[in-house]
Amino acid sequence: MPRLSFAQRNQALGRLAGGTTQTEIARRFNVADSTITRLVPRVNATGTTADRPRPGQPRVTSVRQDNYIRQRH
C-alpha cells in the first residue's frame, strides 16, 4: 500500500477532528487502518506530521570522491 504524503497526513488529521472515522479515512486514502491509528499518537508525541529521520547506510565516499570515480570511469 502507498505511504501517506505530508499533505494527506494533514488532511487525515483534519477529517479525524471533523468526526470522520479512522476506517473511512483509511479507505479514502487507500491505506491500512493501522496507518491512521498510528498517525494520531505520533503527531501528539512529536508535534508534527513530517517524516521522522530513518537510519541508513552511512556514506563510504564523499561527493568529491564520487565525481572523481565518475570521471575516471
PDB file of N, CA and C in Angstrom:
ATOM      1  N   MET A   1       0.834  -1.178   0.000  1.00  0.00           N
ATOM      2  CA  MET A   1       0.000   0.000   0.000  1.00  0.00           C
ATOM      3  C   MET A   1       0.882   1.245   0.000  1.00  0.00           C
ATOM      4  N   PRO A   2       0.396   2.310  -0.578  1.00  0.00           N
ATOM      5  CA  PRO A   2       1.200   3.526  -0.644  1.00  0.00           C
ATOM      6  C   PRO A   2       1.284   4.229   0.702  1.00  0.00           C
ATOM      7  N   ARG A   3       2.348   5.011   0.853  1.00  0.00           N
ATOM      8  CA  ARG A   3       2.513   5.806   2.059  1.00  0.00           C
ATOM      9  C   ARG A   3       1.729   7.098   1.919  1.00  0.00           C
ATOM     10  N   LEU A   4       1.384   7.687   3.043  1.00  0.00           N
ATOM     11  CA  LEU A   4       0.692   8.970   3.024  1.00  0.00           C
ATOM     12  C   LEU A   4       1.700  10.098   2.850  1.00  0.00           C
ATOM     13  N   SER A   5       1.375  11.040   1.992  1.00  0.00           N
ATOM     14  CA  SER A   5       2.231  12.211   1.830  1.00  0.00           C
ATOM     15  C   SER A   5       1.983  13.163   2.989  1.00  0.00           C
ATOM     16  N   PHE A   6       2.804  14.192   3.079  1.00  0.00           N
ATOM     17  CA  PHE A   6       2.685  15.195   4.135  1.00  0.00           C
ATOM     18  C   PHE A   6       1.291  15.826   4.095  1.00  0.00           C
ATOM     19  N   ALA A   7       0.826  16.187   2.907  1.00  0.00           N
ATOM     20  CA  ALA A   7      -0.487  16.824   2.764  1.00  0.00           C
ATOM     21  C   ALA A   7      -1.611  15.858   3.138  1.00  0.00           C
ATOM     22  N   GLN A   8      -1.481  14.604   2.753  1.00  0.00           N
ATOM     23  CA  GLN A   8      -2.515  13.619   3.068  1.00  0.00           C
ATOM     24  C   GLN A   8      -2.604  13.374   4.571  1.00  0.00           C
ATOM     25  N   ARG A   9      -1.458  13.380   5.263  1.00  0.00           N
ATOM     26  CA  ARG A   9      -1.487  13.214   6.722  1.00  0.00           C
ATOM     27  C   ARG A   9      -2.252  14.354   7.368  1.00  0.00           C
ATOM     28  N   ASN A  10      -1.992  15.578   6.900  1.00  0.00           N
ATOM     29  CA  ASN A  10      -2.703  16.731   7.452  1.00  0.00           C
ATOM     30  C   ASN A  10      -4.199  16.651   7.156  1.00  0.00           C
ATOM     31  N   GLN A  11      -4.557  16.205   5.953  1.00  0.00           N
ATOM     32  CA  GLN A  11      -5.966  16.046   5.608  1.00  0.00           C
ATOM     33  C   GLN A  11      -6.617  14.988   6.493  1.00  0.00           C
ATOM     34  N   ALA A  12      -5.910  13.902   6.743  1.00  0.00           N
ATOM     35  CA  ALA A  12      -6.449  12.833   7.581  1.00  0.00           C
ATOM     36  C   ALA A  12      -6.696  13.341   9.001  1.00  0.00           C
ATOM     37  N   LEU A  13      -5.766  14.124   9.532  1.00  0.00           N
ATOM     38  CA  LEU A  13      -5.952  14.682  10.874  1.00  0.00           C
ATOM     39  C   LEU A  13      -7.139  15.635  10.904  1.00  0.00           C
ATOM     40  N   GLY A  14      -7.312  16.414   9.852  1.00  0.00           N
ATOM     41  CA  GLY A  14      -8.453  17.317   9.772  1.00  0.00           C
ATOM     42  C   GLY A  14      -9.766  16.566   9.724  1.00  0.00           C
ATOM     43  N   ARG A  15      -9.787  15.478   8.983  1.00  0.00           N
ATOM     44  CA  ARG A  15     -11.005  14.666   8.905  1.00  0.00           C
ATOM     45  C   ARG A  15     -11.303  13.999  10.251  1.00  0.00           C
ATOM     46  N   LEU A  16     -10.234  13.563  10.950  1.00  0.00           N
ATOM     47  CA  LEU A  16     -10.444  12.984  12.280  1.00  0.00           C
ATOM     48  C   LEU A  16     -11.037  14.018  13.230  1.00  0.00           C
ATOM     49  N   ALA A  17     -10.526  15.232  13.162  1.00  0.00           N
ATOM     50  CA  ALA A  17     -11.045  16.301  14.010  1.00  0.00           C
ATOM     51  C   ALA A  17     -12.493  16.624  13.643  1.00  0.00           C
ATOM     52  N   GLY A  18     -12.844  16.416  12.382  1.00  0.00           N
ATOM     53  CA  GLY A  18     -14.208  16.682  11.926  1.00  0.00           C
ATOM     54  C   GLY A  18     -15.189  15.579  12.244  1.00  0.00           C
ATOM     55  N   GLY A  19     -14.698  14.457  12.789  1.00  0.00           N
ATOM     56  CA  GLY A  19     -15.605  13.397  13.196  1.00  0.00           C
ATOM     57  C   GLY A  19     -15.657  12.194  12.272  1.00  0.00           C
ATOM     58  N   THR A  20     -14.863  12.168  11.233  1.00  0.00           N
ATOM     59  CA  THR A  20     -14.834  11.019  10.335  1.00  0.00           C
ATOM     60  C   THR A  20     -14.124   9.863  11.029  1.00  0.00           C
ATOM     61  N   THR A  21     -14.593   8.656  10.821  1.00  0.00           N
ATOM     62  CA  THR A  21     -13.977   7.504  11.475  1.00  0.00           C
ATOM     63  C   THR A  21     -12.639   7.165  10.823  1.00  0.00           C
ATOM     64  N   GLN A  22     -11.794   6.479  11.590  1.00  0.00           N
ATOM     65  CA  GLN A  22     -10.487   6.086  11.077  1.00  0.00           C
ATOM     66  C   GLN A  22     -10.613   5.136   9.898  1.00  0.00           C
ATOM     67  N   THR A  23     -11.594   4.267   9.926  1.00  0.00           N
ATOM     68  CA  THR A  23     -11.804   3.317   8.833  1.00  0.00           C
ATOM     69  C   THR A  23     -12.173   4.040   7.539  1.00  0.00           C
ATOM     70  N   GLU A  24     -13.052   5.030   7.632  1.00  0.00           N
ATOM     71  CA  GLU A  24     -13.447   5.788   6.440  1.00  0.00           C
ATOM     72  C   GLU A  24     -12.253   6.558   5.864  1.00  0.00           C
ATOM     73  N   ILE A  25     -11.444   7.123   6.741  1.00  0.00           N
ATOM     74  CA  ILE A  25     -10.265   7.862   6.282  1.00  0.00           C
ATOM     75  C   ILE A  25      -9.280   6.916   5.611  1.00  0.00           C
ATOM     76  N   ALA A  26      -9.073   5.740   6.196  1.00  0.00           N
ATOM     77  CA  ALA A  26      -8.158   4.759   5.615  1.00  0.00           C
ATOM     78  C   ALA A  26      -8.631   4.344   4.222  1.00  0.00           C
ATOM     79  N   ARG A  27      -9.923   4.126   4.058  1.00  0.00           N
ATOM     80  CA  ARG A  27     -10.456   3.777   2.728  1.00  0.00           C
ATOM     81  C   ARG A  27     -10.265   4.923   1.748  1.00  0.00           C
ATOM     82  N   ARG A  28     -10.497   6.141   2.213  1.00  0.00           N
ATOM     83  CA  ARG A  28     -10.384   7.329   1.349  1.00  0.00           C
ATOM     84  C   ARG A  28      -8.973   7.472   0.774  1.00  0.00           C
ATOM     85  N   PHE A  29      -7.965   7.193   1.613  1.00  0.00           N
ATOM     86  CA  PHE A  29      -6.578   7.354   1.188  1.00  0.00           C
ATOM     87  C   PHE A  29      -5.935   6.042   0.752  1.00  0.00           C
ATOM     88  N   ASN A  30      -6.709   4.955   0.747  1.00  0.00           N
ATOM     89  CA  ASN A  30      -6.234   3.641   0.305  1.00  0.00           C
ATOM     90  C   ASN A  30      -5.016   3.186   1.110  1.00  0.00           C
ATOM     91  N   VAL A  31      -5.127   3.276   2.430  1.00  0.00           N
ATOM     92  CA  VAL A  31      -4.080   2.789   3.327  1.00  0.00           C
ATOM     93  C   VAL A  31      -4.710   1.877   4.363  1.00  0.00           C
ATOM     94  N   ALA A  32      -3.870   1.179   5.108  1.00  0.00           N
ATOM     95  CA  ALA A  32      -4.364   0.295   6.165  1.00  0.00           C
ATOM     96  C   ALA A  32      -4.913   1.124   7.327  1.00  0.00           C
ATOM     97  N   ASP A  33      -5.860   0.546   8.047  1.00  0.00           N
ATOM     98  CA  ASP A  33      -6.429   1.228   9.213  1.00  0.00           C
ATOM     99  C   ASP A  33      -5.355   1.571  10.237  1.00  0.00           C
ATOM    100  N   SER A  34      -4.377   0.682  10.376  1.00  0.00           N
ATOM    101  CA  SER A  34      -3.321   0.902  11.366  1.00  0.00           C
ATOM    102  C   SER A  34      -2.487   2.148  11.046  1.00  0.00           C
ATOM    103  N   THR A  35      -2.411   2.519   9.773  1.00  0.00           N
ATOM    104  CA  THR A  35      -1.671   3.725   9.395  1.00  0.00           C
ATOM    105  C   THR A  35      -2.308   4.950  10.034  1.00  0.00           C
ATOM    106  N   ILE A  36      -3.607   5.033   9.968  1.00  0.00           N
ATOM    107  CA  ILE A  36      -4.323   6.168  10.554  1.00  0.00           C
ATOM    108  C   ILE A  36      -4.293   6.076  12.075  1.00  0.00           C
ATOM    109  N   THR A  37      -4.405   4.861  12.604  1.00  0.00           N
ATOM    110  CA  THR A  37      -4.385   4.661  14.049  1.00  0.00           C
ATOM    111  C   THR A  37      -3.058   5.125  14.649  1.00  0.00           C
ATOM    112  N   ARG A  38      -1.948   4.830  13.986  1.00  0.00           N
ATOM    113  CA  ARG A  38      -0.627   5.220  14.494  1.00  0.00           C
ATOM    114  C   ARG A  38      -0.317   6.686  14.258  1.00  0.00           C
ATOM    115  N   LEU A  39      -1.027   7.321  13.345  1.00  0.00           N
ATOM    116  CA  LEU A  39      -0.759   8.717  12.995  1.00  0.00           C
ATOM    117  C   LEU A  39      -1.013   9.659  14.173  1.00  0.00           C
ATOM    118  N   VAL A  40      -2.116   9.479  14.864  1.00  0.00           N
ATOM    119  CA  VAL A  40      -2.506  10.404  15.940  1.00  0.00           C
ATOM    120  C   VAL A  40      -1.502  10.399  17.097  1.00  0.00           C
ATOM    121  N   PRO A  41      -1.129   9.256  17.665  1.00  0.00           N
ATOM    122  CA  PRO A  41      -0.156   9.292  18.764  1.00  0.00           C
ATOM    123  C   PRO A  41       1.201   9.841  18.339  1.00  0.00           C
ATOM    124  N   ARG A  42       1.597   9.552  17.092  1.00  0.00           N
ATOM    125  CA  ARG A  42       2.885  10.060  16.624  1.00  0.00           C
ATOM    126  C   ARG A  42       2.865  11.583  16.527  1.00  0.00           C
ATOM    127  N   VAL A  43       1.767  12.144  16.046  1.00  0.00           N
ATOM    128  CA  VAL A  43       1.655  13.599  15.963  1.00  0.00           C
ATOM    129  C   VAL A  43       1.612  14.205  17.358  1.00  0.00           C
ATOM    130  N   ASN A  44       0.909  13.560  18.289  1.00  0.00           N
ATOM    131  CA  ASN A  44       0.864  14.062  19.658  1.00  0.00           C
ATOM    132  C   ASN A  44       2.244  14.019  20.316  1.00  0.00           C
ATOM    133  N   ALA A  45       3.042  13.008  19.995  1.00  0.00           N
ATOM    134  CA  ALA A  45       4.360  12.867  20.611  1.00  0.00           C
ATOM    135  C   ALA A  45       5.384  13.822  20.003  1.00  0.00           C
ATOM    136  N   THR A  46       5.346  13.978  18.678  1.00  0.00           N
ATOM    137  CA  THR A  46       6.361  14.792  18.006  1.00  0.00           C
ATOM    138  C   THR A  46       5.897  16.209  17.715  1.00  0.00           C
ATOM    139  N   GLY A  47       4.598  16.417  17.605  1.00  0.00           N
ATOM    140  CA  GLY A  47       4.074  17.750  17.307  1.00  0.00           C
ATOM    141  C   GLY A  47       4.081  18.102  15.839  1.00  0.00           C
ATOM    142  N   THR A  48       4.409  17.146  14.979  1.00  0.00           N
ATOM    143  CA  THR A  48       4.463  17.418  13.545  1.00  0.00           C
ATOM    144  C   THR A  48       4.053  16.176  12.764  1.00  0.00           C
ATOM    145  N   THR A  49       3.659  16.390  11.508  1.00  0.00           N
ATOM    146  CA  THR A  49       3.309  15.267  10.637  1.00  0.00           C
ATOM    147  C   THR A  49       4.440  14.929   9.673  1.00  0.00           C
ATOM    148  N   ALA A  50       5.572  15.594   9.819  1.00  0.00           N
ATOM    149  CA  ALA A  50       6.704  15.362   8.919  1.00  0.00           C
ATOM    150  C   ALA A  50       7.305  13.978   9.166  1.00  0.00           C
ATOM    151  N   ASP A  51       7.975  13.440   8.140  1.00  0.00           N
ATOM    152  CA  ASP A  51       8.656  12.155   8.284  1.00  0.00           C
ATOM    153  C   ASP A  51       9.758  12.266   9.321  1.00  0.00           C
ATOM    154  N   ARG A  52       9.906  11.220  10.094  1.00  0.00           N
ATOM    155  CA  ARG A  52      10.994  11.166  11.058  1.00  0.00           C
ATOM    156  C   ARG A  52      12.240  10.662  10.344  1.00  0.00           C
ATOM    157  N   PRO A  53      13.414  11.051  10.817  1.00  0.00           N
ATOM    158  CA  PRO A  53      14.637  10.552  10.177  1.00  0.00           C
ATOM    159  C   PRO A  53      14.743   9.037  10.330  1.00  0.00           C
ATOM    160  N   ARG A  54      15.246   8.415   9.316  1.00  0.00           N
ATOM    161  CA  ARG A  54      15.415   6.969   9.340  1.00  0.00           C
ATOM    162  C   ARG A  54      16.897   6.641   9.273  1.00  0.00           C
ATOM    163  N   PRO A  55      17.278   5.586   9.965  1.00  0.00           N
ATOM    164  CA  PRO A  55      18.682   5.191   9.877  1.00  0.00           C
ATOM    165  C   PRO A  55      18.958   4.614   8.500  1.00  0.00           C
ATOM    166  N   GLY A  56      20.159   4.749   8.074  1.00  0.00           N
ATOM    167  CA  GLY A  56      20.521   4.206   6.775  1.00  0.00           C
ATOM    168  C   GLY A  56      21.998   3.896   6.727  1.00  0.00           C
ATOM    169  N   GLN A  57      22.404   3.365   5.624  1.00  0.00           N
ATOM    170  CA  GLN A  57      23.804   3.045   5.442  1.00  0.00           C
ATOM    171  C   GLN A  57      24.599   4.340   5.359  1.00  0.00           C
ATOM    172  N   PRO A  58      25.633   4.517   6.174  1.00  0.00           N
ATOM    173  CA  PRO A  58      26.432   5.743   6.081  1.00  0.00           C
ATOM    174  C   PRO A  58      27.224   5.772   4.776  1.00  0.00           C
ATOM    175  N   ARG A  59      27.472   6.969   4.300  1.00  0.00           N
ATOM    176  CA  ARG A  59      28.242   7.120   3.060  1.00  0.00           C
ATOM    177  C   ARG A  59      29.663   6.616   3.254  1.00  0.00           C
ATOM    178  N   VAL A  60      30.189   5.953   2.237  1.00  0.00           N
ATOM    179  CA  VAL A  60      31.557   5.465   2.273  1.00  0.00           C
ATOM    180  C   VAL A  60      32.461   6.457   1.557  1.00  0.00           C
ATOM    181  N   THR A  61      31.940   7.074   0.504  1.00  0.00           N
ATOM    182  CA  THR A  61      32.718   8.051  -0.248  1.00  0.00           C
ATOM    183  C   THR A  61      32.056   9.414  -0.152  1.00  0.00           C
ATOM    184  N   SER A  62      32.864  10.447  -0.356  1.00  0.00           N
ATOM    185  CA  SER A  62      32.318  11.804  -0.353  1.00  0.00           C
ATOM    186  C   SER A  62      31.807  12.139  -1.757  1.00  0.00           C
ATOM    187  N   VAL A  63      31.127  13.258  -1.880  1.00  0.00           N
ATOM    188  CA  VAL A  63      30.637  13.702  -3.184  1.00  0.00           C
ATOM    189  C   VAL A  63      31.820  13.934  -4.114  1.00  0.00           C
ATOM    190  N   ARG A  64      32.874  14.497  -3.587  1.00  0.00           N
ATOM    191  CA  ARG A  64      34.074  14.753  -4.400  1.00  0.00           C
ATOM    192  C   ARG A  64      34.672  13.447  -4.921  1.00  0.00           C
ATOM    193  N   GLN A  65      34.742  12.432  -4.065  1.00  0.00           N
ATOM    194  CA  GLN A  65      35.264  11.135  -4.492  1.00  0.00           C
ATOM    195  C   GLN A  65      34.353  10.493  -5.537  1.00  0.00           C
ATOM    196  N   ASP A  66      33.057  10.640  -5.377  1.00  0.00           N
ATOM    197  CA  ASP A  66      32.118  10.117  -6.370  1.00  0.00           C
ATOM    198  C   ASP A  66      32.361  10.750  -7.733  1.00  0.00           C
ATOM    199  N   ASN A  67      32.555  12.068  -7.757  1.00  0.00           N
ATOM    200  CA  ASN A  67      32.830  12.758  -9.020  1.00  0.00           C
ATOM    201  C   ASN A  67      34.129  12.257  -9.643  1.00  0.00           C
ATOM    202  N   TYR A  68      35.153  12.042  -8.836  1.00  0.00           N
ATOM    203  CA  TYR A  68      36.433  11.543  -9.331  1.00  0.00           C
ATOM    204  C   TYR A  68      36.264  10.148  -9.951  1.00  0.00           C
ATOM    205  N   ILE A  69      35.519   9.301  -9.278  1.00  0.00           N
ATOM    206  CA  ILE A  69      35.283   7.932  -9.773  1.00  0.00           C
ATOM    207  C   ILE A  69      34.536   7.997 -11.109  1.00  0.00           C
ATOM    208  N   ARG A  70      33.546   8.866 -11.223  1.00  0.00           N
ATOM    209  CA  ARG A  70      32.801   9.009 -12.479  1.00  0.00           C
ATOM    210  C   ARG A  70      33.713   9.484 -13.614  1.00  0.00           C
ATOM    211  N   GLN A  71      34.575  10.425 -13.317  1.00  0.00           N
ATOM    212  CA  GLN A  71      35.471  10.940 -14.363  1.00  0.00           C
ATOM    213  C   GLN A  71      36.450   9.874 -14.817  1.00  0.00           C
ATOM    214  N   ARG A  72      36.970   9.085 -13.886  1.00  0.00           N
ATOM    215  CA  ARG A  72      37.949   8.044 -14.234  1.00  0.00           C
ATOM    216  C   ARG A  72      37.296   6.879 -14.964  1.00  0.00           C
ATOM    217  N   HIS A  73      36.039   6.662 -14.696  1.00  0.00           N
ATOM    218  CA  HIS A  73      35.354   5.533 -15.306  1.00  0.00           C
ATOM    219  C   HIS A  73      35.159   5.822 -16.762  1.00  0.00           C
TER     220      HIS A  73
END
